[in-house]
Amino acid sequence: MSLRIGLLWAPVFLSTLAAGCVTEGAPPVEEVTRARAVVEQADKAGAQRYAAADLQRAHDELTSAEQANAQQKFDEARWYAQAAEVDADLATARNSAGAAQQAAHEVVKANDTLRQESGRVP
């Protein structure tokens, strides 16, 4: 008797389990669009110069997000899009820091040159 009851409930249990595994959230349109914009912004800012690895990782993650989205793996696409945005932001920040450090180095160099020039006797 218990075997018959188990056999009756098995399809219900399996269909519920399968539905739970297949369920994905809504397509991550906003996340992918935002990630694409942030990656493009990092490209335009010249992040390749000071943060090439971070920028490349952002591009790779954006590509993975778009592929997962096309395969309707929306949760995975969302995760990749968010990771791409974070890495592109990191690349932009490192680029800004590198540019600022380079500018500071140039100022120090110019100050040294001025000191040397002001110490000369005409």
N, C-alpha and C. Protein backbone atom coordinates (compact mmCIF):
# COMPACT_ATOMS: atom_id res chain seq x y z
N MET A 1 0.81 -1.19 0.00
CA MET A 1 0.00 0.00 0.00
C MET A 1 0.86 1.27 0.00
N SER A 2 1.88 1.32 0.86
CA SER A 2 2.73 2.51 0.91
C SER A 2 3.52 2.67 -0.38
N LEU A 3 3.84 1.60 -1.07
CA LEU A 3 4.53 1.67 -2.35
C LEU A 3 3.63 2.33 -3.39
N ARG A 4 2.33 2.00 -3.38
CA ARG A 4 1.38 2.61 -4.30
C ARG A 4 1.25 4.11 -4.04
N ILE A 5 1.22 4.48 -2.79
CA ILE A 5 1.12 5.91 -2.45
C ILE A 5 2.37 6.64 -2.90
N GLY A 6 3.51 6.00 -2.67
CA GLY A 6 4.78 6.59 -3.10
C GLY A 6 4.83 6.77 -4.61
N LEU A 7 4.33 5.77 -5.35
CA LEU A 7 4.31 5.86 -6.80
C LEU A 7 3.36 6.95 -7.29
N LEU A 8 2.29 7.18 -6.55
CA LEU A 8 1.35 8.23 -6.93
C LEU A 8 1.95 9.62 -6.72
N TRP A 9 2.70 9.79 -5.67
CA TRP A 9 3.27 11.10 -5.35
C TRP A 9 4.59 11.37 -6.05
N ALA A 10 5.24 10.37 -6.57
CA ALA A 10 6.54 10.54 -7.23
C ALA A 10 6.48 11.54 -8.39
N PRO A 11 5.50 11.45 -9.31
CA PRO A 11 5.47 12.43 -10.41
C PRO A 11 5.27 13.86 -9.92
N VAL A 12 4.47 14.03 -8.91
CA VAL A 12 4.24 15.37 -8.36
C VAL A 12 5.54 15.91 -7.77
N PHE A 13 6.22 15.09 -7.02
CA PHE A 13 7.48 15.49 -6.40
C PHE A 13 8.52 15.82 -7.47
N LEU A 14 8.67 14.96 -8.46
CA LEU A 14 9.67 15.17 -9.51
C LEU A 14 9.37 16.40 -10.36
N SER A 15 8.12 16.65 -10.67
CA SER A 15 7.78 17.84 -11.46
C SER A 15 8.02 19.11 -10.67
N THR A 16 7.75 19.07 -9.38
CA THR A 16 8.02 20.23 -8.53
C THR A 16 9.52 20.48 -8.43
N LEU A 17 10.29 19.43 -8.28
CA LEU A 17 11.73 19.54 -8.20
C LEU A 17 12.30 20.08 -9.51
N ALA A 18 11.83 19.56 -10.62
CA ALA A 18 12.31 20.01 -11.93
C ALA A 18 11.95 21.47 -12.17
N ALA A 19 10.77 21.87 -11.79
CA ALA A 19 10.36 23.26 -11.97
C ALA A 19 11.21 24.19 -11.13
N GLY A 20 11.58 23.76 -9.96
CA GLY A 20 12.43 24.57 -9.10
C GLY A 20 13.82 24.74 -9.65
N CYS A 21 14.34 23.74 -10.32
CA CYS A 21 15.69 23.80 -10.88
C CYS A 21 15.74 24.65 -12.14
N VAL A 22 14.66 24.66 -12.91
CA VAL A 22 14.65 25.35 -14.18
C VAL A 22 14.32 26.82 -14.01
N THR A 23 13.67 27.16 -12.95
CA THR A 23 13.20 28.52 -12.76
C THR A 23 14.36 29.51 -12.74
N GLU A 24 14.26 30.49 -13.58
CA GLU A 24 15.23 31.58 -13.65
C GLU A 24 14.47 32.87 -13.41
N GLY A 25 15.18 33.87 -12.96
CA GLY A 25 14.55 35.16 -12.77
C GLY A 25 14.25 35.80 -14.12
N ALA A 26 13.82 37.03 -14.06
CA ALA A 26 13.53 37.77 -15.28
C ALA A 26 14.84 38.06 -16.03
N PRO A 27 14.76 38.27 -17.34
CA PRO A 27 15.97 38.60 -18.10
C PRO A 27 16.66 39.84 -17.51
N PRO A 28 17.97 39.79 -17.36
CA PRO A 28 18.71 40.89 -16.73
C PRO A 28 19.03 42.03 -17.70
N VAL A 29 18.01 42.59 -18.30
CA VAL A 29 18.20 43.62 -19.32
C VAL A 29 18.94 44.83 -18.75
N GLU A 30 18.46 45.33 -17.61
CA GLU A 30 19.10 46.50 -16.99
C GLU A 30 20.54 46.23 -16.62
N GLU A 31 20.79 45.07 -16.02
CA GLU A 31 22.14 44.75 -15.55
C GLU A 31 23.12 44.66 -16.72
N VAL A 32 22.71 44.00 -17.80
CA VAL A 32 23.60 43.85 -18.96
C VAL A 32 23.82 45.20 -19.63
N THR A 33 22.77 45.99 -19.76
CA THR A 33 22.89 47.32 -20.36
C THR A 33 23.82 48.21 -19.54
N ARG A 34 23.64 48.19 -18.22
CA ARG A 34 24.48 49.00 -17.34
C ARG A 34 25.94 48.54 -17.41
N ALA A 35 26.16 47.23 -17.41
CA ALA A 35 27.52 46.69 -17.49
C ALA A 35 28.17 47.10 -18.80
N ARG A 36 27.43 47.01 -19.90
CA ARG A 36 27.97 47.40 -21.20
C ARG A 36 28.38 48.87 -21.19
N ALA A 37 27.53 49.72 -20.61
CA ALA A 37 27.83 51.16 -20.55
C ALA A 37 29.07 51.43 -19.71
N VAL A 38 29.21 50.76 -18.58
CA VAL A 38 30.36 50.98 -17.70
C VAL A 38 31.64 50.47 -18.35
N VAL A 39 31.56 49.35 -19.05
CA VAL A 39 32.75 48.82 -19.75
C VAL A 39 33.15 49.78 -20.88
N GLU A 40 32.19 50.28 -21.63
CA GLU A 40 32.49 51.24 -22.70
C GLU A 40 33.10 52.52 -22.12
N GLN A 41 32.59 52.95 -20.99
CA GLN A 41 33.12 54.15 -20.33
C GLN A 41 34.58 53.92 -19.92
N ALA A 42 34.88 52.74 -19.40
CA ALA A 42 36.27 52.42 -19.01
C ALA A 42 37.17 52.40 -20.24
N ASP A 43 36.65 51.88 -21.36
CA ASP A 43 37.42 51.88 -22.61
C ASP A 43 37.74 53.30 -23.04
N LYS A 44 36.71 54.15 -23.04
CA LYS A 44 36.89 55.53 -23.48
C LYS A 44 37.82 56.31 -22.56
N ALA A 45 37.84 55.95 -21.28
CA ALA A 45 38.71 56.63 -20.32
C ALA A 45 40.16 56.20 -20.47
N GLY A 46 40.41 55.19 -21.29
CA GLY A 46 41.78 54.73 -21.49
C GLY A 46 42.28 53.82 -20.40
N ALA A 47 41.38 53.08 -19.79
CA ALA A 47 41.75 52.20 -18.68
C ALA A 47 42.74 51.12 -19.12
N GLN A 48 42.85 50.89 -20.41
CA GLN A 48 43.80 49.91 -20.94
C GLN A 48 45.23 50.26 -20.50
N ARG A 49 45.50 51.53 -20.34
CA ARG A 49 46.86 51.96 -20.02
C ARG A 49 47.32 51.52 -18.64
N TYR A 50 46.48 51.69 -17.63
CA TYR A 50 46.88 51.40 -16.26
C TYR A 50 46.19 50.17 -15.65
N ALA A 51 45.15 49.67 -16.30
CA ALA A 51 44.39 48.56 -15.71
C ALA A 51 43.94 47.58 -16.79
N ALA A 52 44.89 47.14 -17.61
CA ALA A 52 44.57 46.28 -18.74
C ALA A 52 43.92 44.96 -18.31
N ALA A 53 44.44 44.36 -17.25
CA ALA A 53 43.90 43.06 -16.80
C ALA A 53 42.47 43.20 -16.29
N ASP A 54 42.21 44.24 -15.52
CA ASP A 54 40.86 44.47 -14.99
C ASP A 54 39.88 44.73 -16.13
N LEU A 55 40.31 45.53 -17.10
CA LEU A 55 39.45 45.85 -18.23
C LEU A 55 39.18 44.62 -19.08
N GLN A 56 40.19 43.80 -19.30
CA GLN A 56 40.01 42.57 -20.07
C GLN A 56 39.04 41.63 -19.36
N ARG A 57 39.18 41.53 -18.04
CA ARG A 57 38.28 40.67 -17.28
C ARG A 57 36.84 41.18 -17.40
N ALA A 58 36.66 42.50 -17.37
CA ALA A 58 35.32 43.09 -17.52
C ALA A 58 34.74 42.76 -18.90
N HIS A 59 35.57 42.85 -19.93
CA HIS A 59 35.11 42.49 -21.28
C HIS A 59 34.72 41.02 -21.36
N ASP A 60 35.53 40.16 -20.77
CA ASP A 60 35.24 38.72 -20.78
C ASP A 60 33.94 38.41 -20.04
N GLU A 61 33.74 39.05 -18.90
CA GLU A 61 32.52 38.82 -18.12
C GLU A 61 31.30 39.37 -18.85
N LEU A 62 31.46 40.48 -19.54
CA LEU A 62 30.34 41.02 -20.31
C LEU A 62 29.97 40.07 -21.45
N THR A 63 30.96 39.52 -22.10
CA THR A 63 30.71 38.54 -23.16
C THR A 63 29.99 37.32 -22.58
N SER A 64 30.45 36.85 -21.43
CA SER A 64 29.81 35.70 -20.78
C SER A 64 28.38 36.03 -20.39
N ALA A 65 28.13 37.25 -19.93
CA ALA A 65 26.77 37.66 -19.57
C ALA A 65 25.86 37.64 -20.79
N GLU A 66 26.37 38.15 -21.89
CA GLU A 66 25.55 38.18 -23.11
C GLU A 66 25.28 36.77 -23.62
N GLN A 67 26.27 35.89 -23.53
CA GLN A 67 26.08 34.50 -23.96
C GLN A 67 25.06 33.79 -23.06
N ALA A 68 25.21 33.95 -21.75
CA ALA A 68 24.27 33.32 -20.81
C ALA A 68 22.87 33.86 -21.02
N ASN A 69 22.76 35.15 -21.28
CA ASN A 69 21.46 35.76 -21.53
C ASN A 69 20.81 35.16 -22.78
N ALA A 70 21.61 34.97 -23.83
CA ALA A 70 21.09 34.38 -25.07
C ALA A 70 20.63 32.94 -24.85
N GLN A 71 21.27 32.25 -23.91
CA GLN A 71 20.90 30.87 -23.60
C GLN A 71 19.80 30.80 -22.53
N GLN A 72 19.27 31.95 -22.17
CA GLN A 72 18.22 32.09 -21.16
C GLN A 72 18.66 31.59 -19.79
N LYS A 73 19.92 31.71 -19.51
CA LYS A 73 20.45 31.42 -18.17
C LYS A 73 20.54 32.77 -17.47
N PHE A 74 19.39 33.29 -17.08
CA PHE A 74 19.29 34.66 -16.62
C PHE A 74 20.02 34.93 -15.31
N ASP A 75 19.98 33.99 -14.39
CA ASP A 75 20.69 34.19 -13.12
C ASP A 75 22.19 34.26 -13.36
N GLU A 76 22.70 33.39 -14.21
CA GLU A 76 24.12 33.39 -14.55
C GLU A 76 24.48 34.68 -15.29
N ALA A 77 23.63 35.10 -16.21
CA ALA A 77 23.87 36.33 -16.97
C ALA A 77 23.91 37.53 -16.04
N ARG A 78 23.00 37.55 -15.07
CA ARG A 78 22.95 38.65 -14.10
C ARG A 78 24.25 38.70 -13.30
N TRP A 79 24.73 37.53 -12.87
CA TRP A 79 25.96 37.47 -12.07
C TRP A 79 27.14 37.99 -12.90
N TYR A 80 27.26 37.52 -14.15
CA TYR A 80 28.36 37.98 -15.00
C TYR A 80 28.27 39.48 -15.29
N ALA A 81 27.07 39.99 -15.51
CA ALA A 81 26.90 41.41 -15.78
C ALA A 81 27.33 42.25 -14.58
N GLN A 82 26.95 41.81 -13.38
CA GLN A 82 27.35 42.54 -12.19
C GLN A 82 28.86 42.49 -11.98
N ALA A 83 29.46 41.34 -12.26
CA ALA A 83 30.91 41.20 -12.13
C ALA A 83 31.62 42.08 -13.16
N ALA A 84 31.09 42.15 -14.36
CA ALA A 84 31.68 43.00 -15.40
C ALA A 84 31.63 44.47 -15.00
N GLU A 85 30.52 44.86 -14.42
CA GLU A 85 30.39 46.26 -13.97
C GLU A 85 31.40 46.58 -12.88
N VAL A 86 31.54 45.68 -11.93
CA VAL A 86 32.49 45.90 -10.83
C VAL A 86 33.92 45.98 -11.36
N ASP A 87 34.28 45.06 -12.26
CA ASP A 87 35.64 45.07 -12.79
C ASP A 87 35.90 46.29 -13.68
N ALA A 88 34.89 46.74 -14.40
CA ALA A 88 35.06 47.95 -15.21
C ALA A 88 35.22 49.17 -14.31
N ASP A 89 34.45 49.22 -13.22
CA ASP A 89 34.62 50.32 -12.25
C ASP A 89 36.02 50.29 -11.64
N LEU A 90 36.50 49.09 -11.32
CA LEU A 90 37.84 48.94 -10.77
C LEU A 90 38.88 49.41 -11.78
N ALA A 91 38.72 49.04 -13.04
CA ALA A 91 39.65 49.47 -14.08
C ALA A 91 39.65 50.99 -14.21
N THR A 92 38.48 51.60 -14.16
CA THR A 92 38.39 53.06 -14.24
C THR A 92 39.08 53.72 -13.05
N ALA A 93 38.87 53.17 -11.86
CA ALA A 93 39.50 53.73 -10.66
C ALA A 93 41.02 53.58 -10.73
N ARG A 94 41.49 52.41 -11.15
CA ARG A 94 42.94 52.22 -11.26
C ARG A 94 43.53 53.10 -12.33
N ASN A 95 42.78 53.33 -13.40
CA ASN A 95 43.24 54.22 -14.44
C ASN A 95 43.36 55.65 -13.91
N SER A 96 42.37 56.09 -13.16
CA SER A 96 42.42 57.43 -12.57
C SER A 96 43.59 57.56 -11.60
N ALA A 97 43.79 56.53 -10.80
CA ALA A 97 44.90 56.55 -9.84
C ALA A 97 46.23 56.58 -10.57
N GLY A 98 46.36 55.79 -11.62
CA GLY A 98 47.60 55.77 -12.39
C GLY A 98 47.87 57.10 -13.06
N ALA A 99 46.83 57.70 -13.62
CA ALA A 99 46.98 59.01 -14.26
C ALA A 99 47.35 60.08 -13.23
N ALA A 100 46.74 60.02 -12.06
CA ALA A 100 47.05 60.99 -11.00
C ALA A 100 48.49 60.81 -10.52
N GLN A 101 48.91 59.58 -10.38
CA GLN A 101 50.29 59.31 -9.95
C GLN A 101 51.28 59.82 -11.00
N GLN A 102 50.96 59.61 -12.26
CA GLN A 102 51.82 60.10 -13.34
C GLN A 102 51.87 61.63 -13.32
N ALA A 103 50.74 62.29 -13.11
CA ALA A 103 50.71 63.75 -13.05
C ALA A 103 51.51 64.26 -11.86
N ALA A 104 51.39 63.58 -10.72
CA ALA A 104 52.17 63.98 -9.54
C ALA A 104 53.66 63.82 -9.80
N HIS A 105 54.04 62.77 -10.48
CA HIS A 105 55.45 62.55 -10.83
C HIS A 105 55.95 63.68 -11.72
N GLU A 106 55.13 64.09 -12.67
CA GLU A 106 55.51 65.19 -13.57
C GLU A 106 55.68 66.50 -12.80
N VAL A 107 54.82 66.75 -11.83
CA VAL A 107 54.92 67.97 -11.02
C VAL A 107 56.21 67.96 -10.21
N VAL A 108 56.52 66.83 -9.60
CA VAL A 108 57.76 66.72 -8.82
C VAL A 108 58.96 66.95 -9.72
N LYS A 109 58.93 66.38 -10.90
CA LYS A 109 60.03 66.55 -11.86
C LYS A 109 60.16 68.01 -12.28
N ALA A 110 59.05 68.68 -12.52
CA ALA A 110 59.07 70.09 -12.91
C ALA A 110 59.60 70.94 -11.76
N ASN A 111 59.20 70.62 -10.52
CA ASN A 111 59.71 71.36 -9.36
C ASN A 111 61.22 71.19 -9.21
N ASP A 112 61.71 69.99 -9.43
CA ASP A 112 63.16 69.76 -9.36
C ASP A 112 63.89 70.58 -10.41
N THR A 113 63.33 70.62 -11.60
CA THR A 113 63.94 71.42 -12.67
C THR A 113 63.95 72.89 -12.30
N LEU A 114 62.87 73.39 -11.74
CA LEU A 114 62.80 74.80 -11.33
C LEU A 114 63.82 75.10 -10.23
N ARG A 115 63.97 74.18 -9.27
CA ARG A 115 64.96 74.37 -8.21
C ARG A 115 66.37 74.46 -8.79
N GLN A 116 66.64 73.59 -9.73
CA GLN A 116 67.97 73.60 -10.34
C GLN A 116 68.20 74.89 -11.11
N GLU A 117 67.18 75.33 -11.83
CA GLU A 117 67.31 76.57 -12.61
C GLU A 117 67.42 77.79 -11.70
N SER A 118 66.71 77.81 -10.60
CA SER A 118 66.77 78.98 -9.71
C SER A 118 68.08 79.04 -8.94
N GLY A 119 68.78 77.92 -8.81
CA GLY A 119 70.06 77.90 -8.12
C GLY A 119 71.22 78.34 -8.97
N ARG A 120 71.00 78.50 -10.26
CA ARG A 120 72.08 78.95 -11.16
C ARG A 120 72.32 80.44 -10.99
N VAL A 121 73.56 80.82 -11.13
CA VAL A 121 73.92 82.23 -11.05
C VAL A 121 74.05 82.75 -12.49
N PRO A 122 73.35 83.86 -12.81
CA PRO A 122 73.40 84.40 -14.18
C PRO A 122 74.75 85.02 -14.53
